[in-house]
PDB file of N, CA and C in Angstrom:
ATOM      1  N   MET A   1      41.344  -7.267  16.416  1.00  0.00           N
ATOM      2  CA  MET A   1      40.988  -6.889  15.076  1.00  0.00           C
ATOM      3  C   MET A   1      42.236  -6.318  14.407  1.00  0.00           C
ATOM      4  N   SER A   2      42.539  -6.756  13.195  1.00  0.00           N
ATOM      5  CA  SER A   2      43.715  -6.265  12.491  1.00  0.00           C
ATOM      6  C   SER A   2      43.470  -4.867  11.946  1.00  0.00           C
ATOM      7  N   LYS A   3      44.550  -4.192  11.575  1.00  0.00           N
ATOM      8  CA  LYS A   3      44.440  -2.839  11.035  1.00  0.00           C
ATOM      9  C   LYS A   3      43.668  -2.807   9.722  1.00  0.00           C
ATOM     10  N   ASN A   4      43.693  -3.898   8.963  1.00  0.00           N
ATOM     11  CA  ASN A   4      43.062  -3.942   7.649  1.00  0.00           C
ATOM     12  C   ASN A   4      41.584  -4.302   7.704  1.00  0.00           C
ATOM     13  N   THR A   5      41.061  -4.569   8.867  1.00  0.00           N
ATOM     14  CA  THR A   5      39.653  -4.932   9.003  1.00  0.00           C
ATOM     15  C   THR A   5      38.825  -3.666   9.200  1.00  0.00           C
ATOM     16  N   GLN A   6      37.840  -3.470   8.336  1.00  0.00           N
ATOM     17  CA  GLN A   6      36.977  -2.293   8.437  1.00  0.00           C
ATOM     18  C   GLN A   6      35.693  -2.671   9.156  1.00  0.00           C
ATOM     19  N   SER A   7      35.283  -1.854  10.099  1.00  0.00           N
ATOM     20  CA  SER A   7      34.044  -2.087  10.826  1.00  0.00           C
ATOM     21  C   SER A   7      32.988  -1.098  10.352  1.00  0.00           C
ATOM     22  N   TYR A   8      31.804  -1.614  10.041  1.00  0.00           N
ATOM     23  CA  TYR A   8      30.699  -0.759   9.620  1.00  0.00           C
ATOM     24  C   TYR A   8      29.725  -0.480  10.758  1.00  0.00           C
ATOM     25  N   ASP A   9      30.039  -0.920  11.971  1.00  0.00           N
ATOM     26  CA  ASP A   9      29.102  -0.782  13.085  1.00  0.00           C
ATOM     27  C   ASP A   9      28.608   0.651  13.271  1.00  0.00           C
ATOM     28  N   ASP A  10      29.488   1.633  13.126  1.00  0.00           N
ATOM     29  CA  ASP A  10      29.095   3.020  13.342  1.00  0.00           C
ATOM     30  C   ASP A  10      28.361   3.615  12.152  1.00  0.00           C
ATOM     31  N   ASP A  11      28.356   2.925  11.009  1.00  0.00           N
ATOM     32  CA  ASP A  11      27.755   3.455   9.790  1.00  0.00           C
ATOM     33  C   ASP A  11      26.345   2.936   9.541  1.00  0.00           C
ATOM     34  N   ILE A  12      25.855   2.006  10.354  1.00  0.00           N
ATOM     35  CA  ILE A  12      24.515   1.456  10.148  1.00  0.00           C
ATOM     36  C   ILE A  12      23.483   2.470  10.628  1.00  0.00           C
ATOM     37  N   GLU A  13      22.537   2.779   9.768  1.00  0.00           N
ATOM     38  CA  GLU A  13      21.516   3.784  10.054  1.00  0.00           C
ATOM     39  C   GLU A  13      20.158   3.112  10.203  1.00  0.00           C
ATOM     40  N   ARG A  14      19.501   3.346  11.312  1.00  0.00           N
ATOM     41  CA  ARG A  14      18.162   2.791  11.531  1.00  0.00           C
ATOM     42  C   ARG A  14      17.145   3.652  10.803  1.00  0.00           C
ATOM     43  N   MET A  15      16.290   3.001  10.036  1.00  0.00           N
ATOM     44  CA  MET A  15      15.245   3.700   9.294  1.00  0.00           C
ATOM     45  C   MET A  15      14.007   3.827  10.186  1.00  0.00           C
ATOM     46  N   PRO A  16      13.083   4.728   9.853  1.00  0.00           N
ATOM     47  CA  PRO A  16      11.866   4.887  10.660  1.00  0.00           C
ATOM     48  C   PRO A  16      11.043   3.598  10.716  1.00  0.00           C
ATOM     49  N   ASP A  17      10.313   3.441  11.803  1.00  0.00           N
ATOM     50  CA  ASP A  17       9.470   2.257  11.963  1.00  0.00           C
ATOM     51  C   ASP A  17       8.360   2.231  10.917  1.00  0.00           C
ATOM     52  N   ILE A  18       7.954   1.033  10.565  1.00  0.00           N
ATOM     53  CA  ILE A  18       6.855   0.822   9.630  1.00  0.00           C
ATOM     54  C   ILE A  18       5.637   0.400  10.446  1.00  0.00           C
ATOM     55  N   PRO A  19       4.493   1.059  10.280  1.00  0.00           N
ATOM     56  CA  PRO A  19       3.305   0.658  11.044  1.00  0.00           C
ATOM     57  C   PRO A  19       2.720  -0.654  10.512  1.00  0.00           C
ATOM     58  N   PHE A  20       2.334  -1.525  11.401  1.00  0.00           N
ATOM     59  CA  PHE A  20       1.715  -2.794  11.041  1.00  0.00           C
ATOM     60  C   PHE A  20       0.360  -2.903  11.730  1.00  0.00           C
ATOM     61  N   ALA A  21      -0.519  -3.724  11.162  1.00  0.00           N
ATOM     62  CA  ALA A  21      -1.855  -3.910  11.732  1.00  0.00           C
ATOM     63  C   ALA A  21      -1.831  -4.812  12.959  1.00  0.00           C
ATOM     64  N   ILE A  22      -0.765  -5.588  13.130  1.00  0.00           N
ATOM     65  CA  ILE A  22      -0.659  -6.482  14.280  1.00  0.00           C
ATOM     66  C   ILE A  22       0.499  -6.026  15.160  1.00  0.00           C
ATOM     67  N   PRO A  23       0.438  -6.296  16.463  1.00  0.00           N
ATOM     68  CA  PRO A  23       1.565  -5.949  17.328  1.00  0.00           C
ATOM     69  C   PRO A  23       2.795  -6.763  16.931  1.00  0.00           C
ATOM     70  N   CYS A  24       3.883  -6.091  16.649  1.00  0.00           N
ATOM     71  CA  CYS A  24       5.098  -6.794  16.246  1.00  0.00           C
ATOM     72  C   CYS A  24       6.296  -5.882  16.439  1.00  0.00           C
ATOM     73  N   THR A  25       7.454  -6.458  16.233  1.00  0.00           N
ATOM     74  CA  THR A  25       8.696  -5.705  16.235  1.00  0.00           C
ATOM     75  C   THR A  25       9.268  -5.779  14.831  1.00  0.00           C
ATOM     76  N   ALA A  26       9.506  -4.647  14.221  1.00  0.00           N
ATOM     77  CA  ALA A  26      10.075  -4.604  12.877  1.00  0.00           C
ATOM     78  C   ALA A  26      11.141  -3.526  12.838  1.00  0.00           C
ATOM     79  N   SER A  27      12.186  -3.781  12.096  1.00  0.00           N
ATOM     80  CA  SER A  27      13.226  -2.773  11.962  1.00  0.00           C
ATOM     81  C   SER A  27      13.831  -2.836  10.570  1.00  0.00           C
ATOM     82  N   ILE A  28      14.233  -1.686  10.089  1.00  0.00           N
ATOM     83  CA  ILE A  28      14.923  -1.591   8.811  1.00  0.00           C
ATOM     84  C   ILE A  28      16.162  -0.737   9.034  1.00  0.00           C
ATOM     85  N   HIS A  29      17.273  -1.220   8.554  1.00  0.00           N
ATOM     86  CA  HIS A  29      18.531  -0.488   8.644  1.00  0.00           C
ATOM     87  C   HIS A  29      19.141  -0.412   7.252  1.00  0.00           C
ATOM     88  N   ARG A  30      19.921   0.625   7.005  1.00  0.00           N
ATOM     89  CA  ARG A  30      20.655   0.694   5.748  1.00  0.00           C
ATOM     90  C   ARG A  30      22.111   1.014   6.053  1.00  0.00           C
ATOM     91  N   LEU A  31      22.979   0.451   5.259  1.00  0.00           N
ATOM     92  CA  LEU A  31      24.415   0.591   5.431  1.00  0.00           C
ATOM     93  C   LEU A  31      25.009   1.042   4.113  1.00  0.00           C
ATOM     94  N   ARG A  32      25.687   2.181   4.110  1.00  0.00           N
ATOM     95  CA  ARG A  32      26.326   2.697   2.903  1.00  0.00           C
ATOM     96  C   ARG A  32      27.571   1.870   2.629  1.00  0.00           C
ATOM     97  N   VAL A  33      27.672   1.338   1.429  1.00  0.00           N
ATOM     98  CA  VAL A  33      28.834   0.569   0.990  1.00  0.00           C
ATOM     99  C   VAL A  33      29.269   1.125  -0.363  1.00  0.00           C
ATOM    100  N   PRO A  34      30.485   0.831  -0.810  1.00  0.00           N
ATOM    101  CA  PRO A  34      30.926   1.338  -2.106  1.00  0.00           C
ATOM    102  C   PRO A  34      29.961   0.941  -3.226  1.00  0.00           C
ATOM    103  N   GLY A  35      29.464   1.928  -3.955  1.00  0.00           N
ATOM    104  CA  GLY A  35      28.593   1.666  -5.095  1.00  0.00           C
ATOM    105  C   GLY A  35      27.124   1.509  -4.783  1.00  0.00           C
ATOM    106  N   GLY A  36      26.724   1.647  -3.525  1.00  0.00           N
ATOM    107  CA  GLY A  36      25.306   1.484  -3.212  1.00  0.00           C
ATOM    108  C   GLY A  36      25.041   1.362  -1.729  1.00  0.00           C
ATOM    109  N   TRP A  37      24.005   0.578  -1.416  1.00  0.00           N
ATOM    110  CA  TRP A  37      23.540   0.391  -0.045  1.00  0.00           C
ATOM    111  C   TRP A  37      23.250  -1.087   0.195  1.00  0.00           C
ATOM    112  N   ILE A  38      23.425  -1.520   1.430  1.00  0.00           N
ATOM    113  CA  ILE A  38      22.886  -2.797   1.879  1.00  0.00           C
ATOM    114  C   ILE A  38      21.732  -2.444   2.809  1.00  0.00           C
ATOM    115  N   VAL A  39      20.551  -2.973   2.511  1.00  0.00           N
ATOM    116  CA  VAL A  39      19.358  -2.713   3.314  1.00  0.00           C
ATOM    117  C   VAL A  39      18.995  -4.009   4.033  1.00  0.00           C
ATOM    118  N   ILE A  40      18.851  -3.930   5.358  1.00  0.00           N
ATOM    119  CA  ILE A  40      18.566  -5.097   6.188  1.00  0.00           C
ATOM    120  C   ILE A  40      17.224  -4.872   6.875  1.00  0.00           C
ATOM    121  N   GLY A  41      16.336  -5.838   6.766  1.00  0.00           N
ATOM    122  CA  GLY A  41      15.033  -5.745   7.413  1.00  0.00           C
ATOM    123  C   GLY A  41      14.791  -6.946   8.307  1.00  0.00           C
ATOM    124  N   GLY A  42      14.187  -6.712   9.453  1.00  0.00           N
ATOM    125  CA  GLY A  42      13.855  -7.794  10.367  1.00  0.00           C
ATOM    126  C   GLY A  42      12.448  -7.618  10.912  1.00  0.00           C
ATOM    127  N   PHE A  43      11.781  -8.727  11.219  1.00  0.00           N
ATOM    128  CA  PHE A  43      10.393  -8.712  11.673  1.00  0.00           C
ATOM    129  C   PHE A  43      10.201  -9.836  12.679  1.00  0.00           C
ATOM    130  N   PHE A  44       9.499  -9.555  13.765  1.00  0.00           N
ATOM    131  CA  PHE A  44       9.155 -10.585  14.742  1.00  0.00           C
ATOM    132  C   PHE A  44       7.772 -10.279  15.301  1.00  0.00           C
ATOM    133  N   ALA A  45       6.918 -11.287  15.344  1.00  0.00           N
ATOM    134  CA  ALA A  45       5.581 -11.147  15.932  1.00  0.00           C
ATOM    135  C   ALA A  45       5.242 -12.427  16.684  1.00  0.00           C
ATOM    136  N   ALA A  46       4.541 -12.284  17.795  1.00  0.00           N
ATOM    137  CA  ALA A  46       4.150 -13.456  18.585  1.00  0.00           C
ATOM    138  C   ALA A  46       2.848 -13.163  19.310  1.00  0.00           C
ATOM    139  N   ASP A  47       2.063 -14.217  19.468  1.00  0.00           N
ATOM    140  CA  ASP A  47       0.886 -14.143  20.326  1.00  0.00           C
ATOM    141  C   ASP A  47       0.815 -15.448  21.106  1.00  0.00           C
ATOM    142  N   ALA A  48      -0.298 -15.716  21.756  1.00  0.00           N
ATOM    143  CA  ALA A  48      -0.416 -16.906  22.599  1.00  0.00           C
ATOM    144  C   ALA A  48      -0.347 -18.205  21.803  1.00  0.00           C
ATOM    145  N   GLU A  49      -0.638 -18.158  20.508  1.00  0.00           N
ATOM    146  CA  GLU A  49      -0.702 -19.375  19.708  1.00  0.00           C
ATOM    147  C   GLU A  49       0.495 -19.598  18.791  1.00  0.00           C
ATOM    148  N   ARG A  50       1.182 -18.546  18.397  1.00  0.00           N
ATOM    149  CA  ARG A  50       2.251 -18.720  17.407  1.00  0.00           C
ATOM    150  C   ARG A  50       3.261 -17.570  17.481  1.00  0.00           C
ATOM    151  N   ALA A  51       4.397 -17.810  16.863  1.00  0.00           N
ATOM    152  CA  ALA A  51       5.436 -16.788  16.725  1.00  0.00           C
ATOM    153  C   ALA A  51       6.014 -16.890  15.319  1.00  0.00           C
ATOM    154  N   THR A  52       6.388 -15.771  14.779  1.00  0.00           N
ATOM    155  CA  THR A  52       6.977 -15.770  13.445  1.00  0.00           C
ATOM    156  C   THR A  52       8.067 -14.712  13.373  1.00  0.00           C
ATOM    157  N   SER A  53       9.042 -14.962  12.546  1.00  0.00           N
ATOM    158  CA  SER A  53      10.100 -13.979  12.349  1.00  0.00           C
ATOM    159  C   SER A  53      10.651 -14.113  10.935  1.00  0.00           C
ATOM    160  N   SER A  54      11.244 -13.052  10.475  1.00  0.00           N
ATOM    161  CA  SER A  54      11.894 -13.082   9.166  1.00  0.00           C
ATOM    162  C   SER A  54      13.003 -12.047   9.149  1.00  0.00           C
ATOM    163  N   MET A  55      13.923 -12.228   8.227  1.00  0.00           N
ATOM    164  CA  MET A  55      15.030 -11.302   8.055  1.00  0.00           C
ATOM    165  C   MET A  55      15.384 -11.291   6.587  1.00  0.00           C
ATOM    166  N   SER A  56      15.714 -10.137   6.060  1.00  0.00           N
ATOM    167  CA  SER A  56      16.134 -10.056   4.664  1.00  0.00           C
ATOM    168  C   SER A  56      17.249  -9.031   4.528  1.00  0.00           C
ATOM    169  N   MET A  57      18.038  -9.213   3.483  1.00  0.00           N
ATOM    170  CA  MET A  57      19.113  -8.290   3.194  1.00  0.00           C
ATOM    171  C   MET A  57      19.220  -8.177   1.678  1.00  0.00           C
ATOM    172  N   VAL A  58      19.353  -6.956   1.172  1.00  0.00           N
ATOM    173  CA  VAL A  58      19.426  -6.750  -0.269  1.00  0.00           C
ATOM    174  C   VAL A  58      20.433  -5.639  -0.561  1.00  0.00           C
ATOM    175  N   TYR A  59      21.142  -5.787  -1.671  1.00  0.00           N
ATOM    176  CA  TYR A  59      22.060  -4.749  -2.138  1.00  0.00           C
ATOM    177  C   TYR A  59      21.317  -3.863  -3.130  1.00  0.00           C
ATOM    178  N   VAL A  60      21.371  -2.551  -2.934  1.00  0.00           N
ATOM    179  CA  VAL A  60      20.703  -1.592  -3.815  1.00  0.00           C
ATOM    180  C   VAL A  60      21.779  -0.698  -4.427  1.00  0.00           C
ATOM    181  N   PRO A  61      22.033  -0.846  -5.748  1.00  0.00           N
ATOM    182  CA  PRO A  61      23.071  -0.023  -6.386  1.00  0.00           C
ATOM    183  C   PRO A  61      22.701   1.460  -6.404  1.00  0.00           C
ATOM    184  N   ASP A  62      23.718   2.316  -6.404  1.00  0.00           N
ATOM    185  CA  ASP A  62      23.485   3.751  -6.564  1.00  0.00           C
ATOM    186  C   ASP A  62      22.715   4.000  -7.849  1.00  0.00           C
ATOM    187  N   GLY A  63      21.861   5.000  -7.840  1.00  0.00           N
ATOM    188  CA  GLY A  63      21.092   5.361  -9.021  1.00  0.00           C
ATOM    189  C   GLY A  63      19.844   4.534  -9.229  1.00  0.00           C
ATOM    190  N   GLU A  64      19.613   3.533  -8.391  1.00  0.00           N
ATOM    191  CA  GLU A  64      18.436   2.677  -8.536  1.00  0.00           C
ATOM    192  C   GLU A  64      17.550   2.732  -7.298  1.00  0.00           C
ATOM    193  N   HIS A  65      17.598   3.843  -6.588  1.00  0.00           N
ATOM    194  CA  HIS A  65      16.797   3.953  -5.372  1.00  0.00           C
ATOM    195  C   HIS A  65      16.379   5.400  -5.150  1.00  0.00           C
ATOM    196  N   VAL A  66      15.352   5.579  -4.400  1.00  0.00           N
ATOM    197  CA  VAL A  66      14.941   6.876  -3.871  1.00  0.00           C
ATOM    198  C   VAL A  66      14.533   6.626  -2.425  1.00  0.00           C
ATOM    199  N   TRP A  67      15.253   7.217  -1.483  1.00  0.00           N
ATOM    200  CA  TRP A  67      14.917   7.039  -0.078  1.00  0.00           C
ATOM    201  C   TRP A  67      13.912   8.103   0.307  1.00  0.00           C
ATOM    202  N   LYS A  68      12.788   7.690   0.786  1.00  0.00           N
ATOM    203  CA  LYS A  68      11.800   8.636   1.304  1.00  0.00           C
ATOM    204  C   LYS A  68      11.588   8.322   2.774  1.00  0.00           C
ATOM    205  N   ILE A  69      11.844   9.304   3.599  1.00  0.00           N
ATOM    206  CA  ILE A  69      11.691   9.151   5.036  1.00  0.00           C
ATOM    207  C   ILE A  69      10.659  10.175   5.481  1.00  0.00           C
ATOM    208  N   GLY A  70       9.566   9.707   6.036  1.00  0.00           N
ATOM    209  CA  GLY A  70       8.496  10.607   6.435  1.00  0.00           C
ATOM    210  C   GLY A  70       7.911  11.362   5.252  1.00  0.00           C
ATOM    211  N   GLY A  71       7.922  10.736   4.062  1.00  0.00           N
ATOM    212  CA  GLY A  71       7.367  11.358   2.867  1.00  0.00           C
ATOM    213  C   GLY A  71       8.299  12.332   2.175  1.00  0.00           C
ATOM    214  N   GLN A  72       9.488  12.561   2.738  1.00  0.00           N
ATOM    215  CA  GLN A  72      10.449  13.503   2.172  1.00  0.00           C
ATOM    216  C   GLN A  72      11.669  12.759   1.640  1.00  0.00           C
ATOM    217  N   HIS A  73      12.123  13.124   0.441  1.00  0.00           N
ATOM    218  CA  HIS A  73      13.344  12.541  -0.119  1.00  0.00           C
ATOM    219  C   HIS A  73      14.518  12.978   0.750  1.00  0.00           C
ATOM    220  N   ASP A  74      15.399  12.044   1.124  1.00  0.00           N
ATOM    221  CA  ASP A  74      16.495  12.407   2.025  1.00  0.00           C
ATOM    222  C   ASP A  74      17.745  12.879   1.288  1.00  0.00           C
ATOM    223  N   GLY A  75      17.704  12.955  -0.034  1.00  0.00           N
ATOM    224  CA  GLY A  75      18.822  13.491  -0.794  1.00  0.00           C
ATOM    225  C   GLY A  75      19.941  12.512  -1.064  1.00  0.00           C
ATOM    226  N   LEU A  76      19.798  11.272  -0.639  1.00  0.00           N
ATOM    227  CA  LEU A  76      20.851  10.281  -0.865  1.00  0.00           C
ATOM    228  C   LEU A  76      20.561   9.471  -2.102  1.00  0.00           C
TER     229      LEU A  76
END
């Protein structure tokens, strides 16, 4: 890796789990970037008949979000 390459691996923050009505694996992470956040969500569910998965990523500019974790604003 060159000196000019920035790694965000240590800056990715896992958000609390979201409860679902079906057994599944879901995760949400947010990454602080200049001017806002990148929010990444992933979902996977499977049973004996089918499997499904999805992934999304969105940029959220500063001033256009309110993070609530466990019902409390996190101040970011």
